[in-house]
Every structure is written in C-alpha cells, then in structure tokens.
Protein backbone atom coordinates (compact mmCIF):
# COMPACT_ATOMS: atom_id res chain seq x y z
CA UNK A 1 187.11 -19.33 -0.08
CA UNK A 2 184.28 -20.75 -2.26
CA UNK A 3 184.71 -24.21 -0.08
CA UNK A 4 184.60 -22.96 2.77
CA UNK A 5 180.96 -21.53 2.14
CA UNK A 6 180.12 -24.69 0.76
CA UNK A 7 180.81 -26.93 3.87
CA UNK A 8 178.20 -26.06 6.18
CA UNK A 9 175.83 -26.92 3.00
CA UNK A 10 176.34 -30.38 2.15
CA UNK A 11 174.72 -33.59 3.15
CA UNK A 12 177.16 -34.85 6.44
CA UNK A 13 178.27 -37.49 5.27
CA UNK A 14 179.04 -36.36 1.70
CA UNK A 15 182.64 -35.14 1.53
CA UNK A 16 183.62 -32.24 -0.62
CA UNK A 17 187.67 -31.74 -2.23
CA UNK A 18 188.87 -28.49 -4.65
CA UNK A 19 191.92 -28.99 -6.93
CA UNK A 20 194.11 -26.32 -7.45
CA UNK A 21 195.90 -26.06 -11.33
CA UNK A 22 197.87 -23.22 -9.71
CA UNK A 23 197.18 -21.21 -6.54
CA UNK A 24 198.31 -17.35 -6.11
CA UNK A 25 196.61 -16.98 -2.89
CA UNK A 26 197.18 -19.74 -1.25
CA UNK A 27 198.03 -19.83 2.84
CA UNK A 28 200.85 -20.99 4.91
CA UNK A 29 201.50 -21.52 9.08
CA UNK A 30 201.50 -18.05 10.31
CA UNK A 31 200.19 -16.32 7.55
CA UNK A 32 202.95 -17.29 4.88
CA UNK A 33 202.63 -17.17 1.21
CA UNK A 34 201.75 -19.95 -0.70
CA UNK A 35 202.59 -19.83 -4.02
CA UNK A 36 201.64 -23.37 -6.44
CA UNK A 37 203.00 -23.06 -10.31
CA UNK A 38 202.01 -25.54 -12.19
CA UNK A 39 203.04 -28.84 -11.48
CA UNK A 40 202.45 -28.57 -7.89
CA UNK A 41 199.37 -30.99 -6.17
CA UNK A 42 197.40 -28.87 -4.33
CA UNK A 43 194.06 -29.69 -2.70
CA UNK A 44 191.54 -28.74 0.00
CA UNK A 45 189.46 -31.16 1.21
CA UNK A 46 186.75 -31.24 3.88
CA UNK A 47 186.24 -33.47 6.09
CA UNK A 48 183.49 -34.13 8.85
CA UNK A 49 185.24 -35.39 12.75
CA UNK A 50 182.65 -36.03 15.38
CA UNK A 51 183.63 -34.12 19.05
CA UNK A 52 183.49 -37.40 20.86
CA UNK A 53 185.88 -39.63 19.06
CA UNK A 54 189.79 -40.31 18.88
CA UNK A 55 190.31 -38.38 16.74
CA UNK A 56 187.76 -35.28 17.75
CA UNK A 57 189.86 -35.10 21.17
CA UNK A 58 193.02 -34.54 19.19
CA UNK A 59 192.38 -32.47 16.47
CA UNK A 60 196.12 -31.24 16.56
CA UNK A 61 197.16 -35.47 15.10
CA UNK A 62 195.09 -34.62 11.56
CA UNK A 63 198.13 -32.38 10.37
CA UNK A 64 200.01 -35.56 10.52
CA UNK A 65 197.95 -37.64 9.31
CA UNK A 66 197.45 -35.72 6.22
CA UNK A 67 201.61 -35.39 5.68
CA UNK A 68 201.54 -39.04 6.47
CA UNK A 69 198.77 -39.71 3.78
CA UNK A 70 201.35 -37.47 1.11
CA UNK A 71 203.97 -39.67 2.02
CA UNK A 72 202.35 -43.63 1.84
CA UNK A 73 200.66 -42.33 -0.97
CA UNK A 74 203.91 -42.35 -2.74
CA UNK A 75 205.89 -44.87 -0.74
CA UNK A 76 202.87 -47.66 -0.83
CA UNK A 77 203.36 -48.19 -4.67
CA UNK A 78 204.86 -51.31 -5.08
CA UNK A 79 208.31 -50.65 -6.40
CA UNK A 80 207.99 -47.34 -4.95
CA UNK A 81 208.65 -48.24 -1.33
CA UNK A 82 212.49 -46.34 -1.21
CA UNK A 83 211.66 -42.98 -2.91
CA UNK A 84 213.03 -40.88 0.48
CA UNK A 85 209.92 -39.01 0.65
CA UNK A 86 209.33 -37.99 4.32
CA UNK A 87 207.27 -36.41 7.33
CA UNK A 88 208.59 -33.10 9.08
CA UNK A 89 206.74 -32.43 11.87
CA UNK A 90 204.49 -30.92 12.28
CA UNK A 91 202.93 -30.27 8.85
CA UNK A 92 206.09 -30.27 6.11
CA UNK A 93 206.25 -32.84 3.71
CA UNK A 94 210.37 -33.79 2.75
CA UNK A 95 213.10 -35.44 0.65
CA UNK A 96 215.16 -36.59 2.86
CA UNK A 97 215.86 -34.80 5.74
CA UNK A 98 217.70 -32.18 2.74
CA UNK A 99 214.55 -29.75 1.39
CA UNK A 100 210.62 -28.53 2.07
CA UNK A 101 208.23 -30.55 -0.67
CA UNK A 102 205.21 -29.89 0.29
CA UNK A 103 203.10 -29.02 3.27
CA UNK A 104 199.47 -29.26 5.30
CA UNK A 105 197.49 -26.49 6.83
CA UNK A 106 194.18 -27.13 8.88
CA UNK A 107 191.52 -25.13 9.47
CA UNK A 108 188.83 -26.54 12.34
CA UNK A 109 185.37 -25.07 12.99
CA UNK A 110 183.59 -26.98 16.04
CA UNK A 111 179.37 -26.85 15.64
CA UNK A 112 177.55 -28.47 18.12
CA UNK A 113 179.16 -31.73 18.12
CA UNK A 114 180.89 -32.30 14.91
CA UNK A 115 184.28 -30.50 13.49
CA UNK A 116 184.62 -29.07 10.36
CA UNK A 117 187.90 -29.61 9.15
CA UNK A 118 189.27 -27.94 6.20
CA UNK A 119 192.76 -29.22 5.63
CA UNK A 120 194.67 -27.54 2.59
CA UNK A 121 198.11 -29.79 0.92
CA UNK A 122 200.02 -28.88 -1.33
CA UNK A 123 203.27 -30.85 -2.59
CA UNK A 124 205.48 -30.50 -5.75
CA UNK A 125 204.74 -32.71 -8.02
CA UNK A 126 206.46 -32.03 -11.46
CA UNK A 127 208.06 -28.54 -10.99
CA UNK A 128 212.10 -28.64 -9.75
CA UNK A 129 211.59 -25.34 -9.10
CA UNK A 130 211.46 -23.86 -6.75
CA UNK A 131 213.24 -26.62 -4.72
CA UNK A 132 212.62 -30.33 -6.10
CA UNK A 133 209.54 -32.59 -7.07
CA UNK A 134 208.26 -36.17 -6.45
CA UNK A 135 209.26 -36.55 -9.76
CA UNK A 136 212.81 -35.59 -9.75
CA UNK A 137 213.24 -38.11 -6.42
CA UNK A 138 211.92 -40.79 -8.88
CA UNK A 139 214.30 -40.27 -11.54
CA UNK A 140 217.23 -40.02 -9.26
CA UNK A 141 215.82 -43.52 -7.69
CA UNK A 142 215.79 -44.89 -11.78
CA UNK A 143 219.15 -43.08 -12.12
CA UNK A 144 221.11 -44.56 -9.08
CA UNK A 145 218.86 -47.98 -8.76
CA UNK A 146 218.98 -48.89 -12.43
CA UNK A 147 214.97 -48.87 -12.29
CA UNK A 148 212.38 -47.73 -14.94
CA UNK A 149 209.94 -46.38 -12.79
CA UNK A 150 207.13 -44.22 -14.05
CA UNK A 151 207.06 -40.67 -13.68
CA UNK A 152 203.38 -39.84 -11.29
CA UNK A 153 200.85 -37.27 -11.97
CA UNK A 154 199.58 -35.03 -9.38
CA UNK A 155 195.74 -35.77 -9.81
CA UNK A 156 197.03 -39.73 -9.34
CA UNK A 157 198.88 -38.32 -6.18
CA UNK A 158 196.15 -36.23 -4.95
CA UNK A 159 193.63 -39.26 -5.01
CA UNK A 160 195.68 -41.89 -3.77
CA UNK A 161 196.28 -38.86 -0.65
CA UNK A 162 192.78 -38.88 -0.02
CA UNK A 163 192.33 -42.95 0.10
CA UNK A 164 195.17 -43.63 2.02
CA UNK A 165 193.80 -40.74 4.84
CA UNK A 166 190.07 -42.09 4.43
CA UNK A 167 192.41 -45.76 5.79
CA UNK A 168 194.29 -43.38 8.69
CA UNK A 169 191.98 -41.92 10.10
CA UNK A 170 189.57 -45.03 10.33
CA UNK A 171 192.52 -46.29 11.82
CA UNK A 172 192.67 -43.56 14.44
CA UNK A 173 189.14 -43.31 15.48
CA UNK A 174 189.33 -47.33 15.68
CA UNK A 175 192.87 -47.63 17.80
CA UNK A 176 193.78 -43.35 18.80
CA UNK A 177 197.55 -42.62 18.39
CA UNK A 178 199.13 -46.20 18.52
CA UNK A 179 197.70 -47.60 16.08
CA UNK A 180 199.27 -45.21 13.56
CA UNK A 181 202.64 -43.66 15.35
CA UNK A 182 204.59 -46.86 14.20
CA UNK A 183 203.56 -45.96 10.71
CA UNK A 184 204.28 -42.24 10.99
CA UNK A 185 207.90 -42.88 12.92
CA UNK A 186 208.77 -45.19 9.64
CA UNK A 187 208.89 -41.92 7.50
CA UNK A 188 209.53 -39.39 9.92
CA UNK A 189 212.75 -37.02 10.09
CA UNK A 190 213.41 -37.07 13.02
CA UNK A 191 214.63 -39.97 14.64
CA UNK A 192 217.57 -39.16 17.32
CA UNK A 193 217.95 -35.50 16.44
CA UNK A 194 218.64 -32.97 18.84
CA UNK A 195 217.32 -29.40 19.21
CA UNK A 196 217.46 -26.82 22.09
CA UNK A 197 214.94 -25.41 23.99
CA UNK A 198 213.60 -22.02 25.02
CA UNK A 199 216.07 -20.54 22.72
CA UNK A 200 219.65 -20.44 20.81
CA UNK A 201 221.26 -21.14 24.22
CA UNK A 202 218.49 -23.23 25.71
CA UNK A 203 219.41 -26.91 27.08
CA UNK A 204 219.80 -29.58 24.60
CA UNK A 205 216.82 -32.62 24.45
CA UNK A 206 217.12 -35.50 21.86
CA UNK A 207 213.69 -35.87 19.73
CA UNK A 208 212.30 -38.61 21.36
CA UNK A 209 208.62 -39.08 19.48
CA UNK A 210 205.23 -37.45 19.81
CA UNK A 211 202.76 -37.47 22.23
CA UNK A 212 198.87 -38.88 22.10
CA UNK A 213 197.86 -34.88 21.57
CA UNK A 214 200.20 -34.63 18.51
CA UNK A 215 203.11 -32.47 20.72
CA UNK A 216 206.67 -33.19 19.94
CA UNK A 217 208.31 -35.20 23.09
CA UNK A 218 211.97 -34.74 23.89
CA UNK A 219 214.35 -36.26 26.57
CA UNK A 220 216.08 -33.29 27.95
CA UNK A 221 219.00 -34.86 30.68
CA UNK A 222 217.81 -34.99 34.57
CA UNK A 223 214.87 -33.21 33.39
CA UNK A 224 213.06 -36.54 32.09
CA UNK A 225 210.11 -36.20 28.42
CA UNK A 226 208.35 -33.76 28.05
CA UNK A 227 206.22 -32.16 26.13
CA UNK A 228 206.90 -28.99 23.52
CA UNK A 229 205.78 -26.76 20.48
CA UNK A 230 207.48 -24.40 18.12
CA UNK A 231 207.76 -20.52 19.16
CA UNK A 232 205.98 -20.03 16.09
CA UNK A 233 208.39 -17.17 14.99
CA UNK A 234 211.47 -18.71 13.61
CA UNK A 235 211.58 -19.85 10.06
CA UNK A 236 212.59 -23.60 10.84
CA UNK A 237 209.35 -24.82 13.18
CA UNK A 238 211.97 -26.77 14.95
CA UNK A 239 214.76 -24.29 15.78
CA UNK A 240 213.43 -22.97 19.39
CA UNK A 241 211.05 -25.15 21.32
CA UNK A 242 208.59 -24.41 24.48
CA UNK A 243 208.03 -26.64 26.31
CA UNK A 244 204.47 -26.24 27.54
CA UNK A 245 203.30 -25.86 31.46
C-alpha cells in the first residue's frame, strides 16, 4: 500500500494518516477481507514507538488503545457519554455486547530501536447495513431518552480518535498499563463473563482482566489466574482460548 511505502520516508516526528471514503481490499485478522461501504470511517495511521519504552515493550497493547480511542471519541463528547459503544478484546468495537460495528488491525515493523506501527481501523458511522452504525445508536438513544443529540460524521470521529489515541499513548508511556486499564475496563464487554478453555468441552473460566502484555486473564476454579490467547480459528475470537505455556 502507498502508506506502507511512505512511512519509512518521512521525518520521524511527522505523523501520517490515510483516510478512505470506501475500501474494497481491506484486511482483517487471519486474512479475512474487510469490506467497507460508504458511511464507514476508515483509516490507516502510522506511528513510531521506541522499543525501550513502556509501549515498545508491550506492543500488543496498541490494538487495545486504538479500540478504546474509538469508543472514547464518541463517549467523551458531552451528552454522548451513555451511547452504548464498547470494546471487545482483542480488537473489536461493539454495540453493547450484541453487535460488532468496527475493528482494529495493527502491523508492526521493528527497525533498529523503533517500532513502525501501521494501525488500520474502521467503524460504521452512517451505514445501517450490514450491521449497525454509531448514528443508529445515537438515534435510538434520542428516542429512548428524549434527547436531541446530533448525528456524527466519519471525519469528525476519525480526527477525535487520533487525538484521543495520542493522549492514551502518552499516558501509557508515562504510567504503563495501569494508566489506561481503568478506562478500558469501564467500556469493555467482558466483565463477569465466562469462557471455555482449550475447546468446546474445556473447563469454564471467568474473565478477570488483561495482563501487562495485553493477554486476557481468566480465573479457573482451582487453577488461579492464567493468561490466555484465542486459538485464531474460531469465528468468535473468545470461543476457545489457549493457555500459553
């Protein structure tokens, strides 16, 4: 892609973002195709992260920060705090815990002591198909609460997302995971949920949080708290979780 070639040719302190009106060759996790009709906020952002920094030592956290930034972009606007936009580990944006309306994909390349990170994110702002969009949630909120919140534009939300992300990265670099996790947990869909480990018939475990490296932490009866990651094959990223050795 153009941005992939450009990112190594710009001065280090210069940021780079590409915004697509619509996209036909988007990529998701595991090679899935991400089709993006008009009305979807779509962006690829390039950032540089020093290897020897809090975030450089915990690169998987970037996808969580971006997901949080998308949710915060909406819910930090006065009046929009209760719009039911949430994060789903590891990289999805959800309406409550019901329906996906966006996602994040992060590619990182380490050159000497700097990570060059390409962040792709897309979320439905103004297109009710094929799932649901942010402006649907705002309209629903207006109907239920008698408010008159305005619809939001994709451009406004991309700009807000990038601004929030910069702030989250600054906080993370200064304070580490604990600087951002309270906010992340406030918006995530997994509090008190159960998952199965290692397969459909595996043991049940409770989700308790994420660890210092961005893995999911679960509590299994008699086993204490363990970190897990998804098997990568199931449609639902949380279905069968593997316990890393």
